[in-house]
Amino acid sequence: MSYQLNNLHASNMKQQQIFKQLVKAYRTGTLSHAYIFHGGQGVGKKECVQRLAQAIFCEQLNDDGVCGVCTHCQRIQKNEFQDVQYIEADNQTIKIDQIRQLKNDVSFSSMEHDKKVYVIYDIEKMSVPAANSLLKFLEEPNQQVYFLLTTSQVDAVLPTIRSRAQLVACHNQTRESIQSFYQENGLMQQQAYILSYVLPDTQLGMELIEQDDFQSFYQAVVSWAMQWVEGDTNAYIAVQTKLARYFSNKEWVNIGLDIVMTVVRDAMFSLMVQQSTALYTTVPKKMKKGVTIDAIVQAKRMLSSNVSAQVCYEWLALQVR
């Protein structure tokens, strides 16, 4: 059997029904020993896996799903639950030693309960020996041991592994539903609008938002982007005075360029239709030459080629003429 599952923050009925099927399968003792959650980047596969892991241990599980507030749900949310173990690629590869360690762990009794959950992210990155080792495990499943696997490239997963697991297809939410989620979780409309484009994976988005200084970084980047769109010559100086303090965080630097791109697209749209938008309550008078999506794409290429963040942003500022 295979399932079609939308990101669990989406507010459509189909997604809710499928998760209810998985919960019902667990409650009736018919949950498979292995599931592969597959879909593109940013569709919330990790969140789906986490929700199912919570369902397996939730102290107040009901037909509608997990409670999210019991001790078990909270500890799983924080990755502090000993009977839910995680494996990720080590240097872009999941190695056989990692699977061997998993096997050793399974041989020991559960720390707190009579069941265990093993989460393996990006299983398409498994080495051939690691995949074959996992396959032997899946062929002879231990009772009360569950494998929750994710992949962005399901066709790259060993066919014999796919055949021994239930497939769950994760699909993108609509941008509007992502924005609604962010607003429901306390973000103002403008920020929710931008992040619905920049961080469609809402679990990752909320993790970033809760990091120290992310909000001040976000505000600084949006302010800088609007300066750049308007052709403000102070944008070059602002890279040093307003943005440089955040450049040690490489993840934020890349997200910052995505925020700039969203602001530019919104300005272009506002000019084209001569209407206000979520970001521009008044239509911009004009766009300066050099303020283009292509320029931002080039800056992102420079960043991926190990050009310093400060140079990338300063280069963007100098494109305005």
Protein backbone atom coordinates (compact mmCIF):
# COMPACT_ATOMS: atom_id res chain seq x y z
CA MET A 1 0.00 0.00 0.00
CA SER A 2 1.14 3.57 -0.61
CA TYR A 3 -0.23 6.79 0.83
CA GLN A 4 -0.43 10.36 -0.45
CA LEU A 5 0.33 12.79 2.36
CA ASN A 6 0.49 16.56 2.26
CA ASN A 7 2.71 18.45 4.68
CA LEU A 8 1.00 18.06 8.05
CA HIS A 9 0.54 21.79 8.57
CA ALA A 10 -1.68 22.03 5.51
CA SER A 11 -5.32 22.46 6.37
CA ASN A 12 -6.82 20.14 3.76
CA MET A 13 -8.92 17.11 4.50
CA LYS A 14 -6.91 14.62 2.45
CA GLN A 15 -3.80 15.08 4.56
CA GLN A 16 -5.74 14.69 7.81
CA GLN A 17 -7.45 11.54 6.59
CA ILE A 18 -4.18 9.84 5.66
CA PHE A 19 -2.55 10.61 8.99
CA LYS A 20 -5.65 9.27 10.70
CA GLN A 21 -5.19 6.06 8.70
CA LEU A 22 -1.66 5.71 10.07
CA VAL A 23 -2.86 6.40 13.62
CA LYS A 24 -5.66 3.88 13.22
CA ALA A 25 -3.19 1.30 11.91
CA TYR A 26 -1.08 1.77 15.02
CA ARG A 27 -4.03 1.65 17.40
CA THR A 28 -5.32 -1.57 15.80
CA GLY A 29 -1.90 -3.23 15.69
CA THR A 30 -1.63 -3.16 11.88
CA LEU A 31 1.05 -0.48 11.49
CA SER A 32 3.79 -1.62 9.15
CA HIS A 33 7.30 -2.09 10.52
CA ALA A 34 8.73 0.30 7.91
CA TYR A 35 7.59 3.44 6.08
CA ILE A 36 9.33 5.52 3.45
CA PHE A 37 8.22 9.17 3.40
CA HIS A 38 9.20 10.54 0.01
CA GLY A 39 8.89 13.89 -1.73
CA GLY A 40 10.89 16.94 -2.79
CA GLN A 41 12.86 19.30 -0.60
CA GLY A 42 10.81 21.40 1.79
CA VAL A 43 7.62 19.30 1.84
CA GLY A 44 7.91 18.45 5.54
CA LYS A 45 9.09 14.83 5.48
CA LYS A 46 10.91 15.23 8.79
CA GLU A 47 7.78 16.62 10.36
CA CYS A 48 5.70 13.72 9.05
CA VAL A 49 8.18 11.24 10.53
CA GLN A 50 8.19 13.06 13.84
CA ARG A 51 4.41 13.05 14.03
CA LEU A 52 4.26 9.30 13.42
CA ALA A 53 6.98 8.69 16.02
CA GLN A 54 4.93 10.76 18.47
CA ALA A 55 1.82 8.72 17.62
CA ILE A 56 3.65 5.50 18.51
CA PHE A 57 4.52 6.79 21.99
CA CYS A 58 1.83 9.42 22.69
CA GLU A 59 0.31 9.02 26.15
CA GLN A 60 -3.01 10.54 25.06
CA LEU A 61 -3.34 9.25 21.51
CA ASN A 62 -6.85 9.37 20.06
CA ASP A 63 -8.49 8.85 16.69
CA ASP A 64 -7.62 12.42 15.65
CA GLY A 65 -3.91 11.95 16.28
CA VAL A 66 -1.26 12.92 18.80
CA CYS A 67 -1.86 15.24 21.73
CA GLY A 68 1.44 17.08 21.28
CA VAL A 69 1.55 18.06 24.96
CA CYS A 70 2.29 14.87 26.90
CA THR A 71 5.80 14.17 28.19
CA HIS A 72 6.54 11.70 25.39
CA CYS A 73 5.38 14.01 22.60
CA GLN A 74 7.39 16.89 24.04
CA ARG A 75 10.58 14.85 24.42
CA ILE A 76 10.30 13.48 20.88
CA GLN A 77 9.77 17.04 19.63
CA LYS A 78 13.07 18.00 21.31
CA ASN A 79 14.92 14.83 20.14
CA GLU A 80 15.37 13.81 23.77
CA PHE A 81 13.49 10.49 23.71
CA GLN A 82 15.86 7.52 24.05
CA ASP A 83 13.62 5.06 22.21
CA VAL A 84 13.50 7.22 19.07
CA GLN A 85 16.93 7.16 17.42
CA TYR A 86 18.05 9.12 14.36
CA ILE A 87 20.55 8.39 11.59
CA GLU A 88 21.71 11.03 9.11
CA ALA A 89 24.30 11.05 6.35
CA ASP A 90 27.87 11.39 7.58
CA ASN A 91 29.75 13.43 4.97
CA GLN A 92 26.98 12.98 2.39
CA THR A 93 26.88 9.20 2.91
CA ILE A 94 25.12 6.84 5.30
CA LYS A 95 27.82 4.31 6.08
CA ILE A 96 27.59 0.64 7.00
CA ASP A 97 29.05 1.36 10.45
CA GLN A 98 26.00 3.52 11.19
CA ILE A 99 23.67 0.63 10.32
CA ARG A 100 25.79 -1.78 12.37
CA GLN A 101 25.44 0.55 15.34
CA LEU A 102 21.69 0.57 14.76
CA LYS A 103 21.65 -3.24 14.80
CA ASN A 104 23.57 -3.28 18.07
CA ASP A 105 21.10 -0.83 19.56
CA VAL A 106 18.12 -2.97 18.54
CA SER A 107 19.62 -5.95 20.33
CA PHE A 108 19.33 -4.13 23.66
CA SER A 109 16.06 -3.80 25.51
CA SER A 110 14.10 -0.58 25.17
CA MET A 111 15.22 2.10 27.61
CA GLU A 112 11.70 2.93 28.76
CA HIS A 113 9.14 1.01 26.71
CA ASP A 114 8.50 -2.20 24.83
CA LYS A 115 9.05 -0.60 21.42
CA LYS A 116 11.62 1.41 19.49
CA VAL A 117 11.59 3.74 16.51
CA TYR A 118 14.53 4.29 14.16
CA VAL A 119 14.47 7.31 11.88
CA ILE A 120 16.83 7.33 8.89
CA TYR A 121 16.92 10.53 6.86
CA ASP A 122 17.81 10.69 3.15
CA ILE A 123 18.12 6.96 2.59
CA GLU A 124 19.10 7.55 -1.05
CA LYS A 125 22.50 8.51 0.42
CA MET A 126 23.15 5.01 1.75
CA SER A 127 26.28 3.27 0.58
CA VAL A 128 25.62 -0.08 -1.10
CA PRO A 129 26.91 -2.05 1.92
CA ALA A 130 24.75 0.04 4.27
CA ALA A 131 21.66 -0.48 2.09
CA ASN A 132 22.24 -4.22 1.93
CA SER A 133 22.72 -4.36 5.69
CA LEU A 134 19.47 -2.47 6.29
CA LEU A 135 17.69 -4.73 3.81
CA LYS A 136 18.55 -7.82 5.86
CA PHE A 137 17.07 -6.08 8.86
CA LEU A 138 13.85 -5.23 7.03
CA GLU A 139 13.50 -8.79 5.76
CA GLU A 140 13.35 -10.10 9.33
CA PRO A 141 11.64 -7.32 11.30
CA ASN A 142 11.73 -7.36 15.08
CA GLN A 143 8.40 -7.06 16.81
CA GLN A 144 7.70 -3.55 18.13
CA VAL A 145 10.59 -2.04 16.13
CA TYR A 146 9.60 0.58 13.56
CA PHE A 147 11.68 2.13 10.79
CA LEU A 148 10.66 5.57 9.54
CA LEU A 149 12.70 6.50 6.47
CA THR A 150 12.80 9.63 4.31
CA THR A 151 14.05 10.33 0.80
CA SER A 152 13.92 13.09 -1.79
CA GLN A 153 14.74 10.59 -4.55
CA VAL A 154 12.61 7.51 -4.07
CA ASP A 155 13.74 6.06 -7.41
CA ALA A 156 17.32 6.04 -6.12
CA VAL A 157 16.39 3.81 -3.19
CA LEU A 158 17.20 0.12 -3.54
CA PRO A 159 14.06 -1.50 -5.05
CA THR A 160 14.20 -4.33 -2.53
CA ILE A 161 14.10 -1.79 0.31
CA ARG A 162 11.15 -0.01 -1.29
CA SER A 163 9.32 -3.32 -1.60
CA ARG A 164 9.65 -4.01 2.12
CA ALA A 165 8.28 -0.67 3.28
CA GLN A 166 5.04 1.24 2.91
CA LEU A 167 5.46 4.32 0.70
CA VAL A 168 4.03 7.63 1.90
CA ALA A 169 4.15 10.43 -0.69
CA CYS A 170 4.54 13.91 0.82
CA HIS A 171 3.37 16.82 -1.31
CA ASN A 172 3.85 20.56 -1.17
CA GLN A 173 1.34 22.72 0.60
CA THR A 174 -0.07 25.73 -1.11
CA ARG A 175 1.83 28.93 -0.39
CA GLU A 176 -1.32 30.38 1.17
CA SER A 177 -1.59 27.52 3.67
CA ILE A 178 2.06 27.97 4.65
CA GLN A 179 1.48 31.68 5.24
CA SER A 180 -1.62 30.89 7.30
CA PHE A 181 0.38 28.47 9.44
CA TYR A 182 3.05 31.06 10.18
CA GLN A 183 0.42 33.65 11.07
CA GLU A 184 -1.39 31.19 13.32
CA ASN A 185 1.93 30.70 15.12
CA GLY A 186 2.37 34.38 15.92
CA LEU A 187 4.10 35.93 12.90
CA MET A 188 2.90 39.20 11.45
CA GLN A 189 1.36 39.08 7.97
CA GLN A 190 4.36 40.56 6.17
CA GLN A 191 6.87 38.15 7.70
CA ALA A 192 4.54 35.18 7.21
CA TYR A 193 4.18 36.19 3.56
CA ILE A 194 7.93 36.35 2.96
CA LEU A 195 8.72 33.14 4.84
CA SER A 196 6.01 31.25 2.95
CA TYR A 197 8.27 31.68 -0.09
CA VAL A 198 11.64 31.43 1.62
CA LEU A 199 10.97 28.64 4.15
CA PRO A 200 8.16 26.41 2.83
CA ASP A 201 9.29 23.67 5.22
CA THR A 202 7.39 25.01 8.21
CA GLN A 203 9.17 22.83 10.75
CA LEU A 204 12.53 24.19 9.63
CA GLY A 205 11.01 27.66 9.49
CA MET A 206 9.81 27.56 13.09
CA GLU A 207 13.16 26.18 14.26
CA LEU A 208 14.95 29.10 12.60
CA ILE A 209 12.51 31.69 13.90
CA GLU A 210 13.13 30.49 17.45
CA GLN A 211 16.91 30.86 17.10
CA ASP A 212 18.50 33.78 18.93
CA ASP A 213 18.82 36.90 16.76
CA PHE A 214 17.00 35.43 13.74
CA GLN A 215 14.22 38.01 14.02
CA SER A 216 16.69 40.90 14.11
CA PHE A 217 18.52 39.36 11.14
CA TYR A 218 15.25 39.06 9.24
CA GLN A 219 14.35 42.70 9.87
CA ALA A 220 17.83 43.86 8.85
CA VAL A 221 17.71 41.91 5.56
CA VAL A 222 14.22 43.14 4.63
CA SER A 223 15.25 46.72 5.36
CA TRP A 224 18.41 46.29 3.28
CA ALA A 225 16.47 44.68 0.40
CA MET A 226 14.09 47.63 0.25
CA GLN A 227 17.05 50.02 0.27
CA TRP A 228 18.54 48.09 -2.64
CA VAL A 229 15.28 48.10 -4.62
CA GLU A 230 15.04 51.87 -4.21
CA GLY A 231 18.62 52.36 -5.37
CA ASP A 232 19.68 53.83 -2.03
CA THR A 233 23.45 54.36 -2.19
CA ASN A 234 23.64 53.65 1.54
CA ALA A 235 22.88 49.97 0.80
CA TYR A 236 26.59 49.35 0.24
CA ILE A 237 27.53 50.82 3.62
CA ALA A 238 24.63 48.99 5.30
CA VAL A 239 26.16 45.64 4.36
CA GLN A 240 28.94 46.39 6.85
CA THR A 241 26.94 48.33 9.44
CA LYS A 242 23.67 46.34 9.49
CA LEU A 243 24.29 42.86 8.04
CA ALA A 244 27.91 41.83 8.61
CA ARG A 245 27.35 40.80 12.23
CA TYR A 246 25.15 37.92 11.00
CA PHE A 247 27.46 36.62 8.27
CA SER A 248 29.06 33.95 10.45
CA ASN A 249 25.84 31.93 10.09
CA LYS A 250 26.09 30.47 6.57
CA GLU A 251 22.51 29.16 6.61
CA TRP A 252 21.16 32.61 7.41
CA VAL A 253 23.28 34.24 4.71
CA ASN A 254 21.70 32.07 2.00
CA ILE A 255 18.22 32.57 3.43
CA GLY A 256 18.91 36.30 3.41
CA LEU A 257 19.43 36.27 -0.35
CA ASP A 258 16.14 34.38 -0.73
CA ILE A 259 14.44 37.10 1.33
CA VAL A 260 15.97 39.75 -0.94
CA MET A 261 14.67 37.85 -3.97
CA THR A 262 11.15 37.75 -2.52
CA VAL A 263 11.19 41.50 -1.84
CA VAL A 264 12.39 42.21 -5.39
CA ARG A 265 9.74 39.98 -6.95
CA ASP A 266 7.06 41.70 -4.90
CA ALA A 267 8.29 45.13 -5.99
CA MET A 268 8.32 44.04 -9.64
CA PHE A 269 4.78 42.70 -9.37
CA SER A 270 3.55 45.87 -7.67
CA LEU A 271 5.04 47.99 -10.46
CA MET A 272 3.65 45.76 -13.18
CA VAL A 273 0.04 45.76 -11.94
CA GLN A 274 0.23 49.19 -10.29
CA GLN A 275 -1.28 47.85 -7.09
CA SER A 276 -0.16 47.55 -3.49
CA THR A 277 1.05 44.17 -2.24
CA ALA A 278 1.76 42.44 1.05
CA LEU A 279 5.16 44.18 1.21
CA TYR A 280 4.49 47.41 -0.67
CA THR A 281 1.50 49.33 0.63
CA THR A 282 2.29 51.96 -1.99
CA VAL A 283 3.48 51.14 -5.49
CA PRO A 284 7.24 51.74 -5.93
CA LYS A 285 7.99 54.69 -8.20
CA LYS A 286 10.49 52.73 -10.27
CA MET A 287 13.11 49.99 -10.16
CA LYS A 288 16.74 50.97 -10.51
CA LYS A 289 18.80 49.30 -13.22
CA GLY A 290 20.75 46.39 -11.81
CA VAL A 291 18.03 45.40 -9.35
CA THR A 292 17.23 42.07 -10.99
CA ILE A 293 16.52 38.47 -10.11
CA ASP A 294 19.52 37.50 -12.25
CA ALA A 295 21.80 39.58 -10.03
CA ILE A 296 20.55 37.77 -6.92
CA VAL A 297 20.99 34.38 -8.62
CA GLN A 298 24.56 35.37 -9.47
CA ALA A 299 25.18 36.39 -5.85
CA LYS A 300 23.91 32.98 -4.71
CA ARG A 301 26.30 31.30 -7.16
CA MET A 302 29.16 33.36 -5.78
CA LEU A 303 28.19 32.34 -2.26
CA SER A 304 28.12 28.64 -3.19
CA SER A 305 31.61 29.11 -4.71
CA ASN A 306 32.91 30.17 -1.30
CA VAL A 307 32.96 33.90 -2.01
CA SER A 308 32.50 35.63 1.35
CA ALA A 309 29.00 36.72 2.29
CA GLN A 310 30.07 40.34 2.69
CA VAL A 311 31.54 40.42 -0.82
CA CYS A 312 28.35 38.86 -2.26
CA TYR A 313 26.06 41.44 -0.67
CA GLU A 314 28.40 44.33 -1.49
CA TRP A 315 28.58 43.13 -5.08
CA LEU A 316 24.77 43.24 -5.22
CA ALA A 317 24.75 46.78 -3.85
CA LEU A 318 27.17 47.86 -6.57
CA GLN A 319 24.93 46.54 -9.36
CA VAL A 320 22.49 49.42 -8.84
CA ARG A 321 22.99 52.24 -11.31
